[in-house]
């Protein structure tokens, strides 16, 4: 599906080129090669708790229609740890990260407002972290309990705004889908879920 989408978008731009009544070649000067680097911040829910997701990506952009690159993200849920926890209570949070390669078909990349469909394929790791307080006046104590690795596919849709020739921002909606994760007391699909975020891109588009 990704290959088909990329071909459709590339063919769409090729049809516009034919309107110039000039034959385009593989090495034509009118072919475009761009690039960008960006960072993102977002919100998700992991194990039913609020989670912060942040990261970055770098990519090459081919003919304004398809970007290919690498990306990496980190996440943590239940990060409000500075609150009283009874000595008999142990609370858990999940933290980790993932990264890999992505392909990003772009529809109408030269328009002020357009859409893109990045899909990430990668690997990652998640750790189950214990939080408990040994005394009333002590800060919470952190103890890394266990961890596991996973594979991930994360398709997304982005509504992108061209704010300047070198700067774009995008509202992102994605869905994380991972292989089964083994963490004590957690569902094997605990990381699966929606992610809402903002991405800021700088480069030659």
C-alpha atoms as a PDB file:
ATOM      1  CA  UNK A   1       0.000   0.000   0.000  1.00  0.00           C
ATOM      2  CA  UNK A   2       2.858   2.372   0.830  1.00  0.00           C
ATOM      3  CA  UNK A   3       4.534   1.722  -2.524  1.00  0.00           C
ATOM      4  CA  UNK A   4       1.246   2.282  -4.347  1.00  0.00           C
ATOM      5  CA  UNK A   5       0.616   5.548  -2.470  1.00  0.00           C
ATOM      6  CA  UNK A   6       4.125   6.779  -3.245  1.00  0.00           C
ATOM      7  CA  UNK A   7       3.721   5.926  -6.919  1.00  0.00           C
ATOM      8  CA  UNK A   8       0.343   7.668  -7.085  1.00  0.00           C
ATOM      9  CA  UNK A   9       1.724  10.867  -5.575  1.00  0.00           C
ATOM     10  CA  UNK A  10       4.823  10.787  -7.773  1.00  0.00           C
ATOM     11  CA  UNK A  11       2.734  10.170 -10.909  1.00  0.00           C
ATOM     12  CA  UNK A  12       0.529  13.106  -9.919  1.00  0.00           C
ATOM     13  CA  UNK A  13       3.526  15.418  -9.969  1.00  0.00           C
ATOM     14  CA  UNK A  14       4.767  13.842 -13.195  1.00  0.00           C
ATOM     15  CA  UNK A  15       1.442  14.694 -14.856  1.00  0.00           C
ATOM     16  CA  UNK A  16       1.947  18.332 -13.908  1.00  0.00           C
ATOM     17  CA  UNK A  17       5.409  18.183 -15.495  1.00  0.00           C
ATOM     18  CA  UNK A  18       3.942  16.913 -18.777  1.00  0.00           C
ATOM     19  CA  UNK A  19       1.850  20.080 -18.981  1.00  0.00           C
ATOM     20  CA  UNK A  20       5.067  21.931 -19.720  1.00  0.00           C
ATOM     21  CA  UNK A  21       5.328  19.938 -23.001  1.00  0.00           C
ATOM     22  CA  UNK A  22       8.864  18.910 -22.078  1.00  0.00           C
ATOM     23  CA  UNK A  23      10.146  15.372 -21.781  1.00  0.00           C
ATOM     24  CA  UNK A  24      11.384  14.696 -18.256  1.00  0.00           C
ATOM     25  CA  UNK A  25      14.331  12.346 -17.657  1.00  0.00           C
ATOM     26  CA  UNK A  26      15.784  10.634 -14.609  1.00  0.00           C
ATOM     27  CA  UNK A  27      18.523  13.256 -14.450  1.00  0.00           C
ATOM     28  CA  UNK A  28      16.369  16.275 -15.275  1.00  0.00           C
ATOM     29  CA  UNK A  29      17.227  19.456 -13.382  1.00  0.00           C
ATOM     30  CA  UNK A  30      13.544  19.806 -12.559  1.00  0.00           C
ATOM     31  CA  UNK A  31      13.678  16.785 -10.292  1.00  0.00           C
ATOM     32  CA  UNK A  32      13.727  17.822  -6.644  1.00  0.00           C
ATOM     33  CA  UNK A  33      15.727  16.393  -3.751  1.00  0.00           C
ATOM     34  CA  UNK A  34      15.098  17.963  -0.373  1.00  0.00           C
ATOM     35  CA  UNK A  35      15.637  17.091   3.249  1.00  0.00           C
ATOM     36  CA  UNK A  36      14.437  17.960   6.717  1.00  0.00           C
ATOM     37  CA  UNK A  37      15.143  17.431  10.377  1.00  0.00           C
ATOM     38  CA  UNK A  38      12.448  17.756  12.976  1.00  0.00           C
ATOM     39  CA  UNK A  39      11.356  17.182  16.536  1.00  0.00           C
ATOM     40  CA  UNK A  40       7.980  16.377  18.037  1.00  0.00           C
ATOM     41  CA  UNK A  41       6.107  16.417  21.322  1.00  0.00           C
ATOM     42  CA  UNK A  42       2.930  14.515  21.937  1.00  0.00           C
ATOM     43  CA  UNK A  43       0.381  12.983  24.256  1.00  0.00           C
ATOM     44  CA  UNK A  44      -0.746   9.398  24.546  1.00  0.00           C
ATOM     45  CA  UNK A  45      -2.178   6.991  27.073  1.00  0.00           C
ATOM     46  CA  UNK A  46      -0.186   3.955  28.173  1.00  0.00           C
ATOM     47  CA  UNK A  47      -1.676   1.489  30.642  1.00  0.00           C
ATOM     48  CA  UNK A  48      -4.578   3.894  31.118  1.00  0.00           C
ATOM     49  CA  UNK A  49      -2.279   6.683  32.336  1.00  0.00           C
ATOM     50  CA  UNK A  50      -1.206   9.953  30.737  1.00  0.00           C
ATOM     51  CA  UNK A  51       2.052   9.614  28.813  1.00  0.00           C
ATOM     52  CA  UNK A  52       4.538  12.022  27.270  1.00  0.00           C
ATOM     53  CA  UNK A  53       6.051  11.063  23.901  1.00  0.00           C
ATOM     54  CA  UNK A  54       8.887  13.047  22.341  1.00  0.00           C
ATOM     55  CA  UNK A  55      11.472  12.462  19.649  1.00  0.00           C
ATOM     56  CA  UNK A  56      12.881  13.462  16.313  1.00  0.00           C
ATOM     57  CA  UNK A  57      13.396  12.417  12.719  1.00  0.00           C
ATOM     58  CA  UNK A  58      15.525  13.113   9.640  1.00  0.00           C
ATOM     59  CA  UNK A  59      14.575  12.432   6.040  1.00  0.00           C
ATOM     60  CA  UNK A  60      15.288  12.959   2.365  1.00  0.00           C
ATOM     61  CA  UNK A  61      12.391  14.257   0.252  1.00  0.00           C
ATOM     62  CA  UNK A  62      12.075  13.030  -3.322  1.00  0.00           C
ATOM     63  CA  UNK A  63      10.291  15.270  -5.830  1.00  0.00           C
ATOM     64  CA  UNK A  64       8.147  16.882  -3.080  1.00  0.00           C
ATOM     65  CA  UNK A  65       6.137  13.638  -2.974  1.00  0.00           C
ATOM     66  CA  UNK A  66       7.894  11.061  -0.787  1.00  0.00           C
ATOM     67  CA  UNK A  67      10.166  11.330   2.237  1.00  0.00           C
ATOM     68  CA  UNK A  68      12.324   8.481   3.533  1.00  0.00           C
ATOM     69  CA  UNK A  69      14.352   8.644   6.721  1.00  0.00           C
ATOM     70  CA  UNK A  70      14.978   7.582  10.303  1.00  0.00           C
ATOM     71  CA  UNK A  71      13.119   8.477  13.497  1.00  0.00           C
ATOM     72  CA  UNK A  72      13.357   7.856  17.221  1.00  0.00           C
ATOM     73  CA  UNK A  73      11.022   8.499  20.156  1.00  0.00           C
ATOM     74  CA  UNK A  74      11.013   8.190  23.928  1.00  0.00           C
ATOM     75  CA  UNK A  75       8.019   7.825  26.229  1.00  0.00           C
ATOM     76  CA  UNK A  76       7.081   7.723  29.907  1.00  0.00           C
ATOM     77  CA  UNK A  77       3.719   7.441  31.613  1.00  0.00           C
ATOM     78  CA  UNK A  78       2.557   8.343  35.127  1.00  0.00           C
ATOM     79  CA  UNK A  79       5.350  10.906  35.523  1.00  0.00           C
ATOM     80  CA  UNK A  80       3.755  12.675  38.520  1.00  0.00           C
ATOM     81  CA  UNK A  81       6.003  10.814  40.993  1.00  0.00           C
ATOM     82  CA  UNK A  82       6.407  13.515  43.634  1.00  0.00           C
ATOM     83  CA  UNK A  83       3.346  12.655  45.669  1.00  0.00           C
ATOM     84  CA  UNK A  84       2.969  10.677  48.868  1.00  0.00           C
ATOM     85  CA  UNK A  85       2.902   6.922  48.489  1.00  0.00           C
ATOM     86  CA  UNK A  86       2.243   4.724  51.495  1.00  0.00           C
ATOM     87  CA  UNK A  87       5.099   2.372  52.374  1.00  0.00           C
ATOM     88  CA  UNK A  88       2.844  -0.602  51.661  1.00  0.00           C
ATOM     89  CA  UNK A  89       1.971   0.716  48.194  1.00  0.00           C
ATOM     90  CA  UNK A  90       4.105   0.143  45.123  1.00  0.00           C
ATOM     91  CA  UNK A  91       3.212   2.092  41.987  1.00  0.00           C
ATOM     92  CA  UNK A  92       4.514   1.312  38.508  1.00  0.00           C
ATOM     93  CA  UNK A  93       5.185   3.380  35.432  1.00  0.00           C
ATOM     94  CA  UNK A  94       6.405   2.397  31.978  1.00  0.00           C
ATOM     95  CA  UNK A  95       9.264   4.162  30.220  1.00  0.00           C
ATOM     96  CA  UNK A  96      11.228   3.381  27.089  1.00  0.00           C
ATOM     97  CA  UNK A  97      11.849   4.277  23.505  1.00  0.00           C
ATOM     98  CA  UNK A  98      11.759   3.063  19.927  1.00  0.00           C
ATOM     99  CA  UNK A  99      13.133   3.975  16.547  1.00  0.00           C
ATOM    100  CA  UNK A 100      13.575   2.839  12.994  1.00  0.00           C
ATOM    101  CA  UNK A 101      13.021   3.821   9.383  1.00  0.00           C
ATOM    102  CA  UNK A 102       9.962   5.519   7.967  1.00  0.00           C
ATOM    103  CA  UNK A 103       8.442   6.291   4.602  1.00  0.00           C
ATOM    104  CA  UNK A 104       6.242   9.356   4.224  1.00  0.00           C
ATOM    105  CA  UNK A 105       4.020   9.815   1.162  1.00  0.00           C
ATOM    106  CA  UNK A 106       3.140  13.520   0.822  1.00  0.00           C
ATOM    107  CA  UNK A 107       0.032  14.804  -0.941  1.00  0.00           C
ATOM    108  CA  UNK A 108       0.228  18.383  -2.210  1.00  0.00           C
ATOM    109  CA  UNK A 109       3.572  19.182  -0.597  1.00  0.00           C
ATOM    110  CA  UNK A 110       3.857  22.538  -2.393  1.00  0.00           C
ATOM    111  CA  UNK A 111       0.487  23.725  -1.091  1.00  0.00           C
ATOM    112  CA  UNK A 112       0.347  25.919   2.056  1.00  0.00           C
ATOM    113  CA  UNK A 113      -1.722  23.263   3.802  1.00  0.00           C
ATOM    114  CA  UNK A 114      -1.378  19.603   2.847  1.00  0.00           C
ATOM    115  CA  UNK A 115      -1.323  16.088   4.255  1.00  0.00           C
ATOM    116  CA  UNK A 116       1.333  13.412   4.719  1.00  0.00           C
ATOM    117  CA  UNK A 117       1.153   9.748   5.734  1.00  0.00           C
ATOM    118  CA  UNK A 118       4.373   8.690   7.524  1.00  0.00           C
ATOM    119  CA  UNK A 119       4.692   5.055   8.582  1.00  0.00           C
ATOM    120  CA  UNK A 120       7.451   3.951  10.978  1.00  0.00           C
ATOM    121  CA  UNK A 121       8.918   0.440  11.064  1.00  0.00           C
ATOM    122  CA  UNK A 122      11.254  -0.172  13.978  1.00  0.00           C
ATOM    123  CA  UNK A 123      12.264  -1.768  17.257  1.00  0.00           C
ATOM    124  CA  UNK A 124      12.249  -0.551  20.833  1.00  0.00           C
ATOM    125  CA  UNK A 125      12.450  -1.342  24.491  1.00  0.00           C
ATOM    126  CA  UNK A 126      10.153  -0.725  27.453  1.00  0.00           C
ATOM    127  CA  UNK A 127      10.948  -0.852  31.153  1.00  0.00           C
ATOM    128  CA  UNK A 128       8.636  -1.317  34.110  1.00  0.00           C
ATOM    129  CA  UNK A 129       9.767   1.089  36.826  1.00  0.00           C
ATOM    130  CA  UNK A 130       8.745   0.745  40.497  1.00  0.00           C
ATOM    131  CA  UNK A 131       8.093   3.838  42.592  1.00  0.00           C
ATOM    132  CA  UNK A 132       7.846   3.760  46.366  1.00  0.00           C
ATOM    133  CA  UNK A 133       8.685   6.012  49.302  1.00  0.00           C
ATOM    134  CA  UNK A 134      10.631   4.643  52.290  1.00  0.00           C
ATOM    135  CA  UNK A 135       9.648   7.568  54.538  1.00  0.00           C
ATOM    136  CA  UNK A 136       7.161  10.436  54.681  1.00  0.00           C
ATOM    137  CA  UNK A 137       9.753  13.190  54.150  1.00  0.00           C
ATOM    138  CA  UNK A 138      11.854  11.300  51.600  1.00  0.00           C
ATOM    139  CA  UNK A 139      11.632  11.728  47.863  1.00  0.00           C
ATOM    140  CA  UNK A 140      10.214   8.812  45.865  1.00  0.00           C
ATOM    141  CA  UNK A 141      12.724   6.061  45.171  1.00  0.00           C
ATOM    142  CA  UNK A 142      13.019   4.582  41.697  1.00  0.00           C
ATOM    143  CA  UNK A 143      13.878   0.981  40.980  1.00  0.00           C
ATOM    144  CA  UNK A 144      14.022  -0.427  37.465  1.00  0.00           C
ATOM    145  CA  UNK A 145      12.112  -3.660  37.839  1.00  0.00           C
ATOM    146  CA  UNK A 146      12.283  -5.309  34.415  1.00  0.00           C
ATOM    147  CA  UNK A 147      12.203  -4.662  30.685  1.00  0.00           C
ATOM    148  CA  UNK A 148      11.456  -6.164  27.293  1.00  0.00           C
ATOM    149  CA  UNK A 149      12.104  -5.497  23.598  1.00  0.00           C
ATOM    150  CA  UNK A 150       9.472  -5.156  20.905  1.00  0.00           C
ATOM    151  CA  UNK A 151       8.895  -4.528  17.210  1.00  0.00           C
ATOM    152  CA  UNK A 152       6.669  -1.642  16.212  1.00  0.00           C
ATOM    153  CA  UNK A 153       4.699  -0.355  13.232  1.00  0.00           C
ATOM    154  CA  UNK A 154       3.286   3.147  13.639  1.00  0.00           C
ATOM    155  CA  UNK A 155       1.185   4.584  10.790  1.00  0.00           C
ATOM    156  CA  UNK A 156       0.234   8.249  11.022  1.00  0.00           C
ATOM    157  CA  UNK A 157      -1.581  11.039   9.256  1.00  0.00           C
ATOM    158  CA  UNK A 158      -0.276  14.604   9.428  1.00  0.00           C
ATOM    159  CA  UNK A 159      -1.948  17.899   8.596  1.00  0.00           C
ATOM    160  CA  UNK A 160       1.021  20.041   7.626  1.00  0.00           C
ATOM    161  CA  UNK A 161       1.361  23.829   7.378  1.00  0.00           C
ATOM    162  CA  UNK A 162       4.077  25.568   5.348  1.00  0.00           C
ATOM    163  CA  UNK A 163       4.963  28.506   7.620  1.00  0.00           C
ATOM    164  CA  UNK A 164       8.138  29.419   5.713  1.00  0.00           C
ATOM    165  CA  UNK A 165      10.192  27.966   2.881  1.00  0.00           C
ATOM    166  CA  UNK A 166      12.475  26.280   5.412  1.00  0.00           C
ATOM    167  CA  UNK A 167       9.973  25.605   8.224  1.00  0.00           C
ATOM    168  CA  UNK A 168       6.845  23.484   8.513  1.00  0.00           C
ATOM    169  CA  UNK A 169       4.715  22.348  11.418  1.00  0.00           C
ATOM    170  CA  UNK A 170       2.331  19.412  11.462  1.00  0.00           C
ATOM    171  CA  UNK A 171      -0.483  18.147  13.661  1.00  0.00           C
ATOM    172  CA  UNK A 172      -0.006  14.389  13.952  1.00  0.00           C
ATOM    173  CA  UNK A 173      -2.322  11.504  14.730  1.00  0.00           C
ATOM    174  CA  UNK A 174      -0.697   8.070  14.832  1.00  0.00           C
ATOM    175  CA  UNK A 175      -1.325   4.587  16.160  1.00  0.00           C
ATOM    176  CA  UNK A 176       1.372   2.458  17.811  1.00  0.00           C
ATOM    177  CA  UNK A 177       1.138  -1.272  17.152  1.00  0.00           C
ATOM    178  CA  UNK A 178       3.791  -3.419  18.817  1.00  0.00           C
ATOM    179  CA  UNK A 179       4.643  -7.075  19.146  1.00  0.00           C
ATOM    180  CA  UNK A 180       3.684  -8.707  22.451  1.00  0.00           C
ATOM    181  CA  UNK A 181       5.482  -7.320  25.502  1.00  0.00           C
ATOM    182  CA  UNK A 182       6.160  -9.315  28.653  1.00  0.00           C
ATOM    183  CA  UNK A 183       6.042  -7.078  31.739  1.00  0.00           C
ATOM    184  CA  UNK A 184       4.721  -8.360  35.052  1.00  0.00           C
ATOM    185  CA  UNK A 185       1.120  -7.345  35.643  1.00  0.00           C
ATOM    186  CA  UNK A 186       0.838  -5.578  32.279  1.00  0.00           C
ATOM    187  CA  UNK A 187      -1.189  -6.481  29.209  1.00  0.00           C
ATOM    188  CA  UNK A 188       0.959  -7.768  26.345  1.00  0.00           C
ATOM    189  CA  UNK A 189      -0.436  -4.979  24.158  1.00  0.00           C
ATOM    190  CA  UNK A 190       0.044  -2.249  26.755  1.00  0.00           C
ATOM    191  CA  UNK A 191       1.892   0.070  24.336  1.00  0.00           C
ATOM    192  CA  UNK A 192      -0.718  -0.122  21.589  1.00  0.00           C
ATOM    193  CA  UNK A 193      -2.703   3.071  21.251  1.00  0.00           C
ATOM    194  CA  UNK A 194      -3.247   6.489  19.710  1.00  0.00           C
ATOM    195  CA  UNK A 195      -0.731   9.315  19.860  1.00  0.00           C
ATOM    196  CA  UNK A 196      -1.519  13.009  19.301  1.00  0.00           C
ATOM    197  CA  UNK A 197       1.320  15.431  18.733  1.00  0.00           C
ATOM    198  CA  UNK A 198       2.942  18.396  17.045  1.00  0.00           C
ATOM    199  CA  UNK A 199       5.962  18.046  14.760  1.00  0.00           C
ATOM    200  CA  UNK A 200       8.274  20.895  13.764  1.00  0.00           C
ATOM    201  CA  UNK A 201      10.343  20.442  10.582  1.00  0.00           C
ATOM    202  CA  UNK A 202      13.291  22.464   9.324  1.00  0.00           C
ATOM    203  CA  UNK A 203      15.003  21.940   5.985  1.00  0.00           C
ATOM    204  CA  UNK A 204      14.813  22.240   2.205  1.00  0.00           C
ATOM    205  CA  UNK A 205      11.398  21.125   1.056  1.00  0.00           C
END
